[in-house]
């Protein structure tokens, strides 16, 4: 069987007006994980869409999923500082009242049917769209399986724990599941009527697609957003 190919976070079609917003807050979740909060400027968007944060040149621009809900007053972006990266070290220096430039929204990783059970399976910062879904649809039938290395990287954990929430940690054991998300789900029942949203490392997405289809989940019930190429282990 041919598996769906993970969709790279697509770039905007045509010209998109660039906005300049004031930074409201900058939260540190872990050693290298941050949540940047800035003015919304009246933006309308569907939960799961992306924006581009602009650097000093076009080559430094990067795409990030909006991690705030559709009705939240500000835009939130979750990111991890890449030491040799071109944009994230710049973002990490921002403080309240600084300015950030952005454009968007775009992308198709949105909730198809909020009335259907939704399983969100993510690695690392790939959890960002799930937070946007939950804030937009607080009563959704949601199961979250989040794979990280250590407990401090369980971004948005206080909110996600309001639903069925399974952290999978590769560098820490009790009280969490010790191992990758694919290992956890290998021994779980995966309802075939649910929709599955996979976000994060491409390796996880390929393995999880194969696993779900092997368990009888239709390929049309699986939606993906690939962010990066190496597993966060």
N, C-alpha and C. Protein backbone atom coordinates (compact mmCIF):
# COMPACT_ATOMS: atom_id res chain seq x y z
N UNK A 1 0.85 -1.20 0.00
CA UNK A 1 0.00 0.00 0.00
C UNK A 1 0.88 1.25 0.00
N UNK A 2 0.53 2.21 -0.80
CA UNK A 2 1.27 3.47 -0.86
C UNK A 2 0.81 4.41 0.25
N UNK A 3 1.74 4.87 1.07
CA UNK A 3 1.39 5.75 2.17
C UNK A 3 1.35 7.20 1.70
N UNK A 4 0.49 8.02 2.31
CA UNK A 4 0.50 9.45 1.99
C UNK A 4 1.86 10.05 2.32
N UNK A 5 2.32 10.95 1.50
CA UNK A 5 3.61 11.60 1.73
C UNK A 5 3.43 12.77 2.70
N UNK A 6 4.22 12.84 3.78
CA UNK A 6 4.09 13.97 4.70
C UNK A 6 4.23 15.29 3.96
N UNK A 7 3.39 16.23 4.34
CA UNK A 7 3.36 17.53 3.69
C UNK A 7 4.33 18.48 4.38
N UNK A 8 5.26 19.01 3.64
CA UNK A 8 6.13 20.05 4.18
C UNK A 8 5.31 21.30 4.41
N UNK A 9 5.58 21.97 5.52
CA UNK A 9 4.87 23.22 5.81
C UNK A 9 5.00 24.15 4.61
N UNK A 10 3.88 24.37 3.92
CA UNK A 10 3.96 25.08 2.64
C UNK A 10 4.12 26.58 2.82
N UNK A 11 4.66 27.19 1.81
CA UNK A 11 4.85 28.64 1.83
C UNK A 11 3.61 29.32 1.30
N UNK A 12 3.40 30.59 1.61
CA UNK A 12 2.19 31.27 1.14
C UNK A 12 2.14 31.33 -0.38
N UNK A 13 0.92 31.30 -0.91
CA UNK A 13 0.71 31.47 -2.33
C UNK A 13 0.57 32.95 -2.64
N UNK A 14 1.44 33.48 -3.47
CA UNK A 14 1.35 34.89 -3.83
C UNK A 14 1.85 35.80 -2.73
N UNK A 15 1.58 37.07 -2.91
CA UNK A 15 2.07 38.08 -1.96
C UNK A 15 1.21 38.08 -0.71
N UNK A 16 1.85 38.13 0.44
CA UNK A 16 1.18 38.22 1.73
C UNK A 16 1.73 39.44 2.44
N UNK A 17 0.83 40.26 2.93
CA UNK A 17 1.26 41.50 3.58
C UNK A 17 2.05 41.20 4.85
N UNK A 18 3.18 41.86 4.99
CA UNK A 18 4.01 41.70 6.19
C UNK A 18 3.49 42.61 7.29
N UNK A 19 3.42 42.05 8.51
CA UNK A 19 2.96 42.79 9.67
C UNK A 19 4.12 42.97 10.65
N UNK A 20 4.05 44.03 11.43
CA UNK A 20 5.00 44.25 12.52
C UNK A 20 4.23 44.32 13.82
N UNK A 21 4.57 43.45 14.76
CA UNK A 21 3.84 43.37 16.02
C UNK A 21 4.77 43.57 17.21
N UNK A 22 4.19 44.09 18.26
CA UNK A 22 4.92 44.27 19.52
C UNK A 22 4.88 42.97 20.32
N UNK A 23 6.02 42.60 20.85
CA UNK A 23 6.10 41.41 21.70
C UNK A 23 5.41 41.69 23.03
N UNK A 24 4.49 40.80 23.41
CA UNK A 24 3.76 40.92 24.67
C UNK A 24 4.48 40.17 25.79
N UNK A 25 4.93 38.97 25.50
CA UNK A 25 5.62 38.15 26.50
C UNK A 25 6.47 37.11 25.77
N UNK A 26 7.43 36.57 26.51
CA UNK A 26 8.33 35.55 25.96
C UNK A 26 8.56 34.53 27.06
N UNK A 27 7.90 33.37 26.95
CA UNK A 27 7.93 32.36 28.01
C UNK A 27 8.96 31.29 27.70
N UNK A 28 9.72 30.92 28.71
CA UNK A 28 10.70 29.85 28.55
C UNK A 28 10.12 28.57 29.13
N UNK A 29 9.98 27.52 28.30
CA UNK A 29 9.44 26.26 28.75
C UNK A 29 10.54 25.28 29.17
N UNK A 30 11.68 25.34 28.51
CA UNK A 30 12.77 24.41 28.78
C UNK A 30 14.09 25.11 28.47
N UNK A 31 15.17 24.38 28.50
CA UNK A 31 16.48 24.98 28.21
C UNK A 31 16.48 25.66 26.85
N UNK A 32 15.83 25.05 25.87
CA UNK A 32 15.85 25.62 24.52
C UNK A 32 14.47 25.79 23.91
N UNK A 33 13.41 25.61 24.70
CA UNK A 33 12.06 25.74 24.21
C UNK A 33 11.39 27.01 24.69
N UNK A 34 10.84 27.81 23.76
CA UNK A 34 10.27 29.11 24.10
C UNK A 34 8.90 29.29 23.43
N UNK A 35 8.08 30.12 24.05
CA UNK A 35 6.80 30.52 23.49
C UNK A 35 6.79 32.04 23.35
N UNK A 36 6.72 32.49 22.11
CA UNK A 36 6.72 33.92 21.81
C UNK A 36 5.27 34.38 21.63
N UNK A 37 4.91 35.44 22.35
CA UNK A 37 3.54 35.96 22.35
C UNK A 37 3.59 37.40 21.86
N UNK A 38 2.80 37.71 20.82
CA UNK A 38 2.87 39.06 20.25
C UNK A 38 1.51 39.49 19.72
N UNK A 39 1.41 40.76 19.36
CA UNK A 39 0.14 41.34 18.92
C UNK A 39 -0.43 40.59 17.73
N UNK A 40 -1.73 40.43 17.76
CA UNK A 40 -2.42 39.69 16.71
C UNK A 40 -2.72 40.55 15.49
N UNK A 41 -2.87 41.83 15.66
CA UNK A 41 -3.16 42.77 14.58
C UNK A 41 -4.43 42.39 13.81
N UNK A 42 -5.42 41.86 14.52
CA UNK A 42 -6.71 41.56 13.90
C UNK A 42 -6.72 40.36 12.98
N UNK A 43 -5.67 39.53 13.02
CA UNK A 43 -5.58 38.39 12.10
C UNK A 43 -6.71 37.38 12.34
N UNK A 44 -7.35 36.95 11.28
CA UNK A 44 -8.31 35.85 11.32
C UNK A 44 -7.61 34.60 10.79
N UNK A 45 -7.75 33.48 11.48
CA UNK A 45 -7.09 32.25 11.04
C UNK A 45 -7.86 31.04 11.56
N UNK A 46 -7.65 29.91 10.93
CA UNK A 46 -8.17 28.64 11.39
C UNK A 46 -7.10 27.95 12.23
N UNK A 47 -7.51 27.35 13.33
CA UNK A 47 -6.57 26.64 14.18
C UNK A 47 -5.80 25.61 13.37
N UNK A 48 -4.47 25.62 13.50
CA UNK A 48 -3.60 24.72 12.76
C UNK A 48 -2.85 25.37 11.62
N UNK A 49 -3.17 26.63 11.32
CA UNK A 49 -2.46 27.31 10.23
C UNK A 49 -1.13 27.88 10.72
N UNK A 50 -0.29 28.23 9.75
CA UNK A 50 1.05 28.71 10.03
C UNK A 50 1.17 30.20 9.73
N UNK A 51 2.23 30.78 10.28
CA UNK A 51 2.68 32.10 9.85
C UNK A 51 4.19 32.02 9.61
N UNK A 52 4.70 32.97 8.85
CA UNK A 52 6.14 33.10 8.65
C UNK A 52 6.66 34.18 9.57
N UNK A 53 7.69 33.86 10.34
CA UNK A 53 8.42 34.88 11.09
C UNK A 53 9.62 35.28 10.25
N UNK A 54 9.82 36.59 10.11
CA UNK A 54 10.85 37.10 9.20
C UNK A 54 12.13 37.45 9.94
N UNK A 55 13.24 37.07 9.34
CA UNK A 55 14.54 37.44 9.86
C UNK A 55 15.09 38.65 9.14
N UNK A 56 16.39 38.75 9.09
CA UNK A 56 17.02 39.92 8.48
C UNK A 56 17.03 39.85 6.96
N UNK A 57 16.80 38.65 6.42
CA UNK A 57 16.73 38.47 4.96
C UNK A 57 15.78 37.34 4.66
N UNK A 58 15.42 37.18 3.40
CA UNK A 58 14.48 36.14 2.98
C UNK A 58 14.98 34.75 3.37
N UNK A 59 16.28 34.54 3.33
CA UNK A 59 16.85 33.23 3.64
C UNK A 59 16.71 32.88 5.11
N UNK A 60 16.42 33.85 5.96
CA UNK A 60 16.28 33.60 7.38
C UNK A 60 14.83 33.41 7.81
N UNK A 61 13.88 33.55 6.89
CA UNK A 61 12.47 33.38 7.23
C UNK A 61 12.16 31.92 7.55
N UNK A 62 11.30 31.71 8.55
CA UNK A 62 10.90 30.36 8.93
C UNK A 62 9.41 30.33 9.24
N UNK A 63 8.79 29.16 9.03
CA UNK A 63 7.36 28.97 9.26
C UNK A 63 7.11 28.32 10.61
N UNK A 64 6.07 28.79 11.30
CA UNK A 64 5.70 28.24 12.61
C UNK A 64 4.18 28.16 12.69
N UNK A 65 3.68 27.11 13.32
CA UNK A 65 2.25 27.01 13.54
C UNK A 65 1.83 27.97 14.65
N UNK A 66 0.72 28.64 14.45
CA UNK A 66 0.13 29.47 15.51
C UNK A 66 -0.37 28.52 16.59
N UNK A 67 0.09 28.69 17.82
CA UNK A 67 -0.30 27.78 18.90
C UNK A 67 -1.39 28.37 19.78
N UNK A 68 -1.92 29.53 19.43
CA UNK A 68 -3.05 30.11 20.16
C UNK A 68 -4.34 29.74 19.46
N UNK A 69 -5.46 29.89 20.20
CA UNK A 69 -6.76 29.57 19.64
C UNK A 69 -7.29 30.68 18.75
N UNK A 70 -8.33 30.36 18.01
CA UNK A 70 -8.88 31.32 17.05
C UNK A 70 -9.42 32.59 17.72
N UNK A 71 -9.83 32.51 18.98
CA UNK A 71 -10.40 33.66 19.67
C UNK A 71 -9.45 34.27 20.70
N UNK A 72 -8.23 33.77 20.81
CA UNK A 72 -7.28 34.33 21.78
C UNK A 72 -6.86 35.74 21.37
N UNK A 73 -6.55 36.60 22.34
CA UNK A 73 -6.25 38.00 22.00
C UNK A 73 -4.90 38.20 21.32
N UNK A 74 -3.96 37.27 21.51
CA UNK A 74 -2.62 37.44 20.94
C UNK A 74 -2.23 36.21 20.13
N UNK A 75 -1.18 36.34 19.33
CA UNK A 75 -0.60 35.22 18.61
C UNK A 75 0.49 34.58 19.46
N UNK A 76 0.48 33.25 19.50
CA UNK A 76 1.50 32.50 20.23
C UNK A 76 2.25 31.62 19.24
N UNK A 77 3.55 31.54 19.38
CA UNK A 77 4.38 30.67 18.55
C UNK A 77 5.33 29.91 19.46
N UNK A 78 5.36 28.60 19.31
CA UNK A 78 6.28 27.74 20.06
C UNK A 78 7.47 27.42 19.17
N UNK A 79 8.67 27.55 19.71
CA UNK A 79 9.86 27.23 18.91
C UNK A 79 10.97 26.72 19.81
N UNK A 80 11.90 26.03 19.19
CA UNK A 80 13.09 25.53 19.88
C UNK A 80 14.31 26.21 19.29
N UNK A 81 15.17 26.72 20.13
CA UNK A 81 16.39 27.39 19.66
C UNK A 81 17.35 26.36 19.07
N UNK A 82 17.72 26.59 17.83
CA UNK A 82 18.73 25.77 17.15
C UNK A 82 20.04 26.53 17.25
N UNK A 83 21.05 26.02 17.97
CA UNK A 83 22.29 26.78 18.20
C UNK A 83 22.92 27.35 16.94
N UNK A 84 22.92 26.60 15.86
CA UNK A 84 23.51 27.08 14.61
C UNK A 84 22.45 27.59 13.63
N UNK A 85 21.25 27.80 14.13
CA UNK A 85 20.17 28.27 13.27
C UNK A 85 20.34 29.73 12.92
N UNK A 86 19.59 30.17 11.91
CA UNK A 86 19.71 31.56 11.47
C UNK A 86 18.64 32.45 12.07
N UNK A 87 17.49 31.88 12.47
CA UNK A 87 16.41 32.71 12.99
C UNK A 87 16.18 32.53 14.49
N UNK A 88 16.15 31.28 14.97
CA UNK A 88 15.77 31.09 16.38
C UNK A 88 16.72 31.77 17.36
N UNK A 89 18.04 31.87 17.11
CA UNK A 89 18.86 32.64 18.04
C UNK A 89 18.46 34.12 18.09
N UNK A 90 17.95 34.65 16.96
CA UNK A 90 17.46 36.03 16.96
C UNK A 90 16.18 36.13 17.79
N UNK A 91 15.27 35.17 17.62
CA UNK A 91 14.01 35.20 18.36
C UNK A 91 14.26 35.13 19.86
N UNK A 92 15.26 34.34 20.25
CA UNK A 92 15.51 34.14 21.68
C UNK A 92 15.93 35.42 22.39
N UNK A 93 16.38 36.42 21.65
CA UNK A 93 16.81 37.67 22.28
C UNK A 93 15.67 38.65 22.49
N UNK A 94 14.49 38.36 21.94
CA UNK A 94 13.38 39.31 22.01
C UNK A 94 12.81 39.42 23.42
N UNK A 95 12.46 40.62 23.80
CA UNK A 95 11.85 40.90 25.10
C UNK A 95 10.58 41.73 24.87
N UNK A 96 9.69 41.80 25.87
CA UNK A 96 8.48 42.61 25.72
C UNK A 96 8.80 44.03 25.25
N UNK A 97 7.98 44.51 24.34
CA UNK A 97 8.08 45.81 23.68
C UNK A 97 8.98 45.78 22.46
N UNK A 98 9.79 44.71 22.26
CA UNK A 98 10.49 44.55 20.98
C UNK A 98 9.47 44.28 19.89
N UNK A 99 9.93 44.31 18.65
CA UNK A 99 9.04 44.07 17.52
C UNK A 99 9.44 42.81 16.77
N UNK A 100 8.43 42.14 16.22
CA UNK A 100 8.65 40.96 15.39
C UNK A 100 7.85 41.14 14.11
N UNK A 101 8.43 40.74 12.99
CA UNK A 101 7.75 40.84 11.70
C UNK A 101 7.27 39.46 11.28
N UNK A 102 6.07 39.41 10.72
CA UNK A 102 5.47 38.14 10.33
C UNK A 102 4.51 38.33 9.18
N UNK A 103 4.12 37.23 8.53
CA UNK A 103 3.12 37.25 7.48
C UNK A 103 2.38 35.92 7.48
N UNK A 104 1.20 35.91 6.92
CA UNK A 104 0.37 34.71 6.88
C UNK A 104 -1.08 35.09 7.18
N UNK A 105 -1.95 34.12 7.41
CA UNK A 105 -1.67 32.69 7.66
C UNK A 105 -1.79 31.86 6.39
N UNK A 106 -1.37 30.59 6.49
CA UNK A 106 -1.47 29.64 5.39
C UNK A 106 -1.33 28.24 5.94
N UNK A 107 -1.42 27.25 5.09
CA UNK A 107 -1.32 25.86 5.53
C UNK A 107 -2.67 25.19 5.60
N UNK A 108 -2.67 23.85 5.65
CA UNK A 108 -3.91 23.06 5.60
C UNK A 108 -4.05 22.08 6.77
N UNK A 109 -3.24 22.21 7.81
CA UNK A 109 -3.27 21.25 8.92
C UNK A 109 -4.34 21.68 9.93
N UNK A 110 -5.59 21.72 9.48
CA UNK A 110 -6.70 22.21 10.28
C UNK A 110 -7.62 21.05 10.65
N UNK A 111 -8.46 21.26 11.64
CA UNK A 111 -9.39 20.22 12.08
C UNK A 111 -10.46 20.00 11.01
N UNK A 112 -10.56 18.78 10.52
CA UNK A 112 -11.54 18.48 9.48
C UNK A 112 -12.95 18.32 10.03
N UNK A 113 -13.06 17.69 11.20
CA UNK A 113 -14.38 17.42 11.77
C UNK A 113 -14.28 17.46 13.29
N UNK A 114 -14.63 18.58 13.93
CA UNK A 114 -14.50 18.69 15.39
C UNK A 114 -15.47 17.79 16.15
N UNK A 115 -16.44 17.17 15.47
CA UNK A 115 -17.37 16.26 16.13
C UNK A 115 -16.83 14.83 16.19
N UNK A 116 -15.76 14.56 15.48
CA UNK A 116 -15.20 13.21 15.43
C UNK A 116 -14.06 13.08 16.45
N UNK A 117 -13.89 11.89 17.08
CA UNK A 117 -12.73 11.71 17.97
C UNK A 117 -11.43 12.05 17.25
N UNK A 118 -10.56 12.77 17.94
CA UNK A 118 -9.31 13.24 17.33
C UNK A 118 -8.14 12.74 18.17
N UNK A 119 -7.22 12.07 17.54
CA UNK A 119 -5.95 11.66 18.16
C UNK A 119 -4.86 12.54 17.60
N UNK A 120 -4.14 13.21 18.48
CA UNK A 120 -3.02 14.06 18.06
C UNK A 120 -1.73 13.42 18.55
N UNK A 121 -0.85 13.09 17.61
CA UNK A 121 0.40 12.40 17.93
C UNK A 121 1.54 13.29 17.46
N UNK A 122 2.41 13.68 18.38
CA UNK A 122 3.43 14.68 18.08
C UNK A 122 4.75 14.33 18.72
N UNK A 123 5.81 14.88 18.14
CA UNK A 123 7.12 14.89 18.79
C UNK A 123 7.55 16.34 18.97
N UNK A 124 8.15 16.63 20.13
CA UNK A 124 8.74 17.95 20.38
C UNK A 124 7.77 19.09 20.20
N UNK A 125 8.22 20.13 19.49
CA UNK A 125 7.41 21.32 19.27
C UNK A 125 6.26 21.08 18.30
N UNK A 126 6.18 19.88 17.75
CA UNK A 126 5.05 19.53 16.91
C UNK A 126 3.73 19.51 17.65
N UNK A 127 3.76 19.70 18.97
CA UNK A 127 2.54 19.76 19.76
C UNK A 127 1.80 21.08 19.56
N UNK A 128 2.43 22.07 18.95
CA UNK A 128 1.85 23.42 18.85
C UNK A 128 0.45 23.45 18.24
N UNK A 129 0.19 22.78 17.10
CA UNK A 129 -1.16 22.84 16.55
C UNK A 129 -2.21 22.27 17.48
N UNK A 130 -1.84 21.26 18.28
CA UNK A 130 -2.79 20.64 19.19
C UNK A 130 -3.29 21.66 20.21
N UNK A 131 -2.41 22.51 20.69
CA UNK A 131 -2.82 23.55 21.64
C UNK A 131 -3.81 24.50 20.98
N UNK A 132 -3.58 24.83 19.72
CA UNK A 132 -4.52 25.69 18.99
C UNK A 132 -5.87 25.00 18.82
N UNK A 133 -5.86 23.70 18.50
CA UNK A 133 -7.11 22.95 18.39
C UNK A 133 -7.88 22.98 19.70
N UNK A 134 -7.17 22.68 20.80
CA UNK A 134 -7.82 22.58 22.09
C UNK A 134 -8.41 23.90 22.54
N UNK A 135 -7.71 24.99 22.31
CA UNK A 135 -8.23 26.30 22.69
C UNK A 135 -9.40 26.73 21.82
N UNK A 136 -9.44 26.24 20.61
CA UNK A 136 -10.53 26.59 19.70
C UNK A 136 -11.75 25.69 19.91
N UNK A 137 -11.49 24.40 20.19
CA UNK A 137 -12.56 23.42 20.39
C UNK A 137 -12.37 22.76 21.76
N UNK A 138 -12.68 23.46 22.86
CA UNK A 138 -12.38 22.93 24.20
C UNK A 138 -13.12 21.65 24.55
N UNK A 139 -14.23 21.35 23.88
CA UNK A 139 -15.01 20.15 24.20
C UNK A 139 -14.73 19.01 23.24
N UNK A 140 -13.70 19.12 22.43
CA UNK A 140 -13.40 18.08 21.46
C UNK A 140 -13.00 16.79 22.17
N UNK A 141 -13.33 15.65 21.55
CA UNK A 141 -12.95 14.33 22.07
C UNK A 141 -11.50 14.09 21.65
N UNK A 142 -10.56 14.46 22.52
CA UNK A 142 -9.15 14.55 22.16
C UNK A 142 -8.30 13.56 22.95
N UNK A 143 -7.44 12.84 22.23
CA UNK A 143 -6.38 12.03 22.84
C UNK A 143 -5.05 12.55 22.33
N UNK A 144 -4.12 12.84 23.24
CA UNK A 144 -2.82 13.40 22.88
C UNK A 144 -1.72 12.42 23.27
N UNK A 145 -0.86 12.09 22.33
CA UNK A 145 0.33 11.28 22.60
C UNK A 145 1.53 12.13 22.18
N UNK A 146 2.32 12.54 23.16
CA UNK A 146 3.40 13.51 22.91
C UNK A 146 4.75 12.90 23.26
N UNK A 147 5.62 12.82 22.27
CA UNK A 147 6.94 12.25 22.47
C UNK A 147 8.01 13.32 22.62
N UNK A 148 8.76 13.27 23.73
CA UNK A 148 9.85 14.20 23.99
C UNK A 148 10.99 13.44 24.67
N UNK A 149 12.04 14.16 25.00
CA UNK A 149 13.16 13.53 25.69
C UNK A 149 12.97 13.57 27.20
N UNK A 150 12.64 14.74 27.73
CA UNK A 150 12.57 14.94 29.19
C UNK A 150 11.27 15.65 29.56
N UNK A 151 10.92 15.57 30.84
CA UNK A 151 9.66 16.12 31.33
C UNK A 151 9.53 17.61 31.04
N UNK A 152 10.61 18.35 31.12
CA UNK A 152 10.53 19.80 30.91
C UNK A 152 10.11 20.17 29.49
N UNK A 153 10.18 19.22 28.56
CA UNK A 153 9.81 19.49 27.17
C UNK A 153 8.35 19.16 26.87
N UNK A 154 7.58 18.86 27.89
CA UNK A 154 6.16 18.60 27.70
C UNK A 154 5.43 19.94 27.60
N UNK A 155 5.63 20.62 26.50
CA UNK A 155 5.06 21.94 26.28
C UNK A 155 3.53 21.89 26.36
N UNK A 156 2.96 22.88 27.03
CA UNK A 156 1.50 23.03 27.17
C UNK A 156 0.87 21.91 28.00
N UNK A 157 1.66 21.19 28.76
CA UNK A 157 1.15 20.08 29.55
C UNK A 157 -0.03 20.46 30.44
N UNK A 158 -0.01 21.60 31.18
CA UNK A 158 -1.14 21.91 32.06
C UNK A 158 -2.47 21.97 31.32
N UNK A 159 -2.48 22.46 30.10
CA UNK A 159 -3.72 22.52 29.32
C UNK A 159 -4.09 21.17 28.73
N UNK A 160 -3.11 20.46 28.22
CA UNK A 160 -3.39 19.19 27.55
C UNK A 160 -3.87 18.13 28.52
N UNK A 161 -3.51 18.24 29.80
CA UNK A 161 -3.93 17.25 30.78
C UNK A 161 -5.42 17.30 31.06
N UNK A 162 -6.13 18.29 30.52
CA UNK A 162 -7.58 18.34 30.67
C UNK A 162 -8.27 17.29 29.80
N UNK A 163 -7.52 16.65 28.90
CA UNK A 163 -8.04 15.59 28.05
C UNK A 163 -7.16 14.34 28.25
N UNK A 164 -7.44 13.30 27.48
CA UNK A 164 -6.60 12.10 27.60
C UNK A 164 -5.22 12.43 27.06
N UNK A 165 -4.20 12.26 27.93
CA UNK A 165 -2.86 12.79 27.63
C UNK A 165 -1.83 11.75 28.02
N UNK A 166 -1.02 11.35 27.04
CA UNK A 166 0.00 10.32 27.27
C UNK A 166 1.36 10.86 26.87
N UNK A 167 2.19 11.29 27.83
CA UNK A 167 3.56 11.69 27.52
C UNK A 167 4.43 10.45 27.32
N UNK A 168 5.27 10.46 26.30
CA UNK A 168 6.22 9.38 26.03
C UNK A 168 7.62 9.98 26.04
N UNK A 169 8.43 9.58 27.02
CA UNK A 169 9.75 10.18 27.21
C UNK A 169 10.84 9.17 26.90
N UNK A 170 11.83 9.59 26.12
CA UNK A 170 12.90 8.67 25.73
C UNK A 170 14.09 8.70 26.68
N UNK A 171 14.23 9.78 27.48
CA UNK A 171 15.38 9.89 28.38
C UNK A 171 14.95 9.95 29.85
N UNK A 172 13.72 9.55 30.11
CA UNK A 172 13.22 9.58 31.48
C UNK A 172 12.15 8.51 31.60
N UNK A 173 12.11 7.82 32.74
CA UNK A 173 11.14 6.76 32.93
C UNK A 173 9.99 7.23 33.81
N UNK A 174 9.75 6.55 34.93
CA UNK A 174 8.61 6.86 35.80
C UNK A 174 8.52 8.34 36.11
N UNK A 175 7.29 8.88 36.19
CA UNK A 175 5.99 8.21 36.12
C UNK A 175 5.42 8.15 34.71
N UNK A 176 6.24 8.38 33.69
CA UNK A 176 5.76 8.46 32.32
C UNK A 176 6.08 7.18 31.57
N UNK A 177 5.46 7.04 30.39
CA UNK A 177 5.82 5.95 29.51
C UNK A 177 7.24 6.19 29.01
N UNK A 178 8.10 5.18 29.10
CA UNK A 178 9.49 5.32 28.68
C UNK A 178 9.64 4.71 27.28
N UNK A 179 9.80 5.58 26.27
CA UNK A 179 9.94 5.11 24.91
C UNK A 179 9.30 6.08 23.94
N UNK A 180 9.34 5.73 22.68
CA UNK A 180 8.82 6.60 21.63
C UNK A 180 7.32 6.42 21.45
N UNK A 181 6.70 7.39 20.80
CA UNK A 181 5.26 7.33 20.60
C UNK A 181 4.86 6.10 19.79
N UNK A 182 5.68 5.72 18.83
CA UNK A 182 5.36 4.55 18.01
C UNK A 182 5.37 3.28 18.86
N UNK A 183 6.31 3.18 19.79
CA UNK A 183 6.36 2.01 20.67
C UNK A 183 5.12 1.96 21.57
N UNK A 184 4.70 3.11 22.06
CA UNK A 184 3.50 3.14 22.91
C UNK A 184 2.27 2.69 22.13
N UNK A 185 2.08 3.24 20.94
CA UNK A 185 0.86 2.96 20.18
C UNK A 185 0.86 1.58 19.54
N UNK A 186 2.02 0.95 19.47
CA UNK A 186 2.09 -0.41 18.93
C UNK A 186 1.17 -1.36 19.70
N UNK A 187 1.04 -1.12 21.00
CA UNK A 187 0.26 -2.03 21.85
C UNK A 187 -1.07 -1.43 22.29
N UNK A 188 -1.54 -0.42 21.58
CA UNK A 188 -2.80 0.23 21.93
C UNK A 188 -3.85 -0.02 20.85
N UNK A 189 -5.11 0.00 21.28
CA UNK A 189 -6.20 -0.03 20.31
C UNK A 189 -6.33 1.36 19.69
N UNK A 190 -6.37 1.43 18.39
CA UNK A 190 -6.51 2.70 17.67
C UNK A 190 -7.84 2.68 16.93
N UNK A 191 -8.85 3.38 17.45
CA UNK A 191 -10.17 3.33 16.82
C UNK A 191 -10.13 3.77 15.37
N UNK A 192 -10.75 3.00 14.52
CA UNK A 192 -10.68 3.28 13.08
C UNK A 192 -11.61 4.40 12.64
N UNK A 193 -12.53 4.82 13.53
CA UNK A 193 -13.42 5.92 13.16
C UNK A 193 -12.86 7.28 13.54
N UNK A 194 -11.75 7.31 14.28
CA UNK A 194 -11.14 8.57 14.70
C UNK A 194 -10.33 9.19 13.57
N UNK A 195 -10.06 10.48 13.70
CA UNK A 195 -9.10 11.15 12.83
C UNK A 195 -7.78 11.27 13.57
N UNK A 196 -6.68 11.08 12.84
CA UNK A 196 -5.34 11.09 13.43
C UNK A 196 -4.53 12.22 12.81
N UNK A 197 -3.98 13.07 13.66
CA UNK A 197 -3.16 14.20 13.23
C UNK A 197 -1.74 13.96 13.73
N UNK A 198 -0.79 13.88 12.79
CA UNK A 198 0.60 13.57 13.12
C UNK A 198 1.45 14.79 12.83
N UNK A 199 2.24 15.22 13.82
CA UNK A 199 3.02 16.44 13.64
C UNK A 199 4.36 16.31 14.34
N UNK A 200 5.42 16.64 13.62
CA UNK A 200 6.75 16.60 14.22
C UNK A 200 7.78 16.04 13.27
N UNK A 201 8.57 15.09 13.78
CA UNK A 201 9.67 14.54 13.00
C UNK A 201 9.17 13.65 11.86
N UNK A 202 9.78 13.78 10.69
CA UNK A 202 9.37 12.98 9.55
C UNK A 202 9.49 11.48 9.84
N UNK A 203 10.54 11.07 10.56
CA UNK A 203 10.70 9.65 10.86
C UNK A 203 9.49 9.11 11.61
N UNK A 204 9.04 9.87 12.62
CA UNK A 204 7.87 9.47 13.37
C UNK A 204 6.65 9.38 12.47
N UNK A 205 6.48 10.35 11.60
CA UNK A 205 5.29 10.39 10.74
C UNK A 205 5.24 9.17 9.82
N UNK A 206 6.33 8.83 9.18
CA UNK A 206 6.35 7.66 8.30
C UNK A 206 6.03 6.39 9.09
N UNK A 207 6.69 6.22 10.24
CA UNK A 207 6.45 5.02 11.04
C UNK A 207 5.02 4.97 11.55
N UNK A 208 4.49 6.10 11.98
CA UNK A 208 3.14 6.12 12.54
C UNK A 208 2.09 5.89 11.46
N UNK A 209 2.28 6.44 10.28
CA UNK A 209 1.34 6.17 9.19
C UNK A 209 1.26 4.67 8.92
N UNK A 210 2.40 4.02 8.82
CA UNK A 210 2.42 2.58 8.56
C UNK A 210 1.75 1.81 9.68
N UNK A 211 2.01 2.20 10.92
CA UNK A 211 1.43 1.53 12.08
C UNK A 211 -0.09 1.66 12.08
N UNK A 212 -0.59 2.87 11.87
CA UNK A 212 -2.03 3.10 11.91
C UNK A 212 -2.74 2.34 10.80
N UNK A 213 -2.18 2.36 9.60
CA UNK A 213 -2.80 1.64 8.49
C UNK A 213 -2.78 0.14 8.75
N UNK A 214 -1.70 -0.34 9.34
CA UNK A 214 -1.64 -1.76 9.71
C UNK A 214 -2.71 -2.13 10.73
N UNK A 215 -3.10 -1.18 11.57
CA UNK A 215 -4.16 -1.40 12.56
C UNK A 215 -5.55 -1.17 12.00
N UNK A 216 -5.65 -0.86 10.72
CA UNK A 216 -6.94 -0.74 10.08
C UNK A 216 -7.48 0.67 9.95
N UNK A 217 -6.69 1.68 10.32
CA UNK A 217 -7.13 3.07 10.18
C UNK A 217 -7.05 3.45 8.70
N UNK A 218 -8.12 3.96 8.12
CA UNK A 218 -8.06 4.37 6.70
C UNK A 218 -7.05 5.49 6.49
N UNK A 219 -6.33 5.44 5.39
CA UNK A 219 -5.35 6.48 5.09
C UNK A 219 -6.01 7.85 5.02
N UNK A 220 -7.29 7.89 4.63
CA UNK A 220 -8.02 9.16 4.53
C UNK A 220 -8.33 9.76 5.90
N UNK A 221 -8.08 9.02 6.97
CA UNK A 221 -8.29 9.53 8.34
C UNK A 221 -7.00 10.02 8.97
N UNK A 222 -5.93 10.06 8.19
CA UNK A 222 -4.62 10.45 8.72
C UNK A 222 -4.16 11.74 8.05
N UNK A 223 -3.82 12.74 8.88
CA UNK A 223 -3.38 14.05 8.39
C UNK A 223 -2.03 14.37 9.01
N UNK A 224 -1.14 14.96 8.21
CA UNK A 224 0.25 15.09 8.66
C UNK A 224 0.80 16.49 8.42
N UNK A 225 1.75 16.85 9.27
CA UNK A 225 2.52 18.08 9.11
C UNK A 225 3.94 17.79 9.60
N UNK A 226 4.88 17.69 8.66
CA UNK A 226 6.26 17.41 9.02
C UNK A 226 7.03 18.68 9.26
N UNK A 227 7.80 18.72 10.36
CA UNK A 227 8.52 19.93 10.74
C UNK A 227 10.03 19.78 10.59
N UNK A 228 10.55 18.61 10.90
CA UNK A 228 12.00 18.47 10.94
C UNK A 228 12.37 17.02 10.67
N UNK A 229 13.66 16.77 10.46
CA UNK A 229 14.09 15.47 9.95
C UNK A 229 14.69 14.55 10.98
N UNK A 230 15.09 15.04 12.15
CA UNK A 230 15.71 14.18 13.14
C UNK A 230 14.78 14.05 14.33
N UNK A 231 14.65 12.83 14.81
CA UNK A 231 13.85 12.61 16.00
C UNK A 231 14.47 13.31 17.20
N UNK A 232 13.64 13.86 18.09
CA UNK A 232 14.12 14.52 19.30
C UNK A 232 14.29 13.46 20.39
N UNK A 233 15.46 12.84 20.41
CA UNK A 233 15.70 11.76 21.36
C UNK A 233 16.92 12.07 22.21
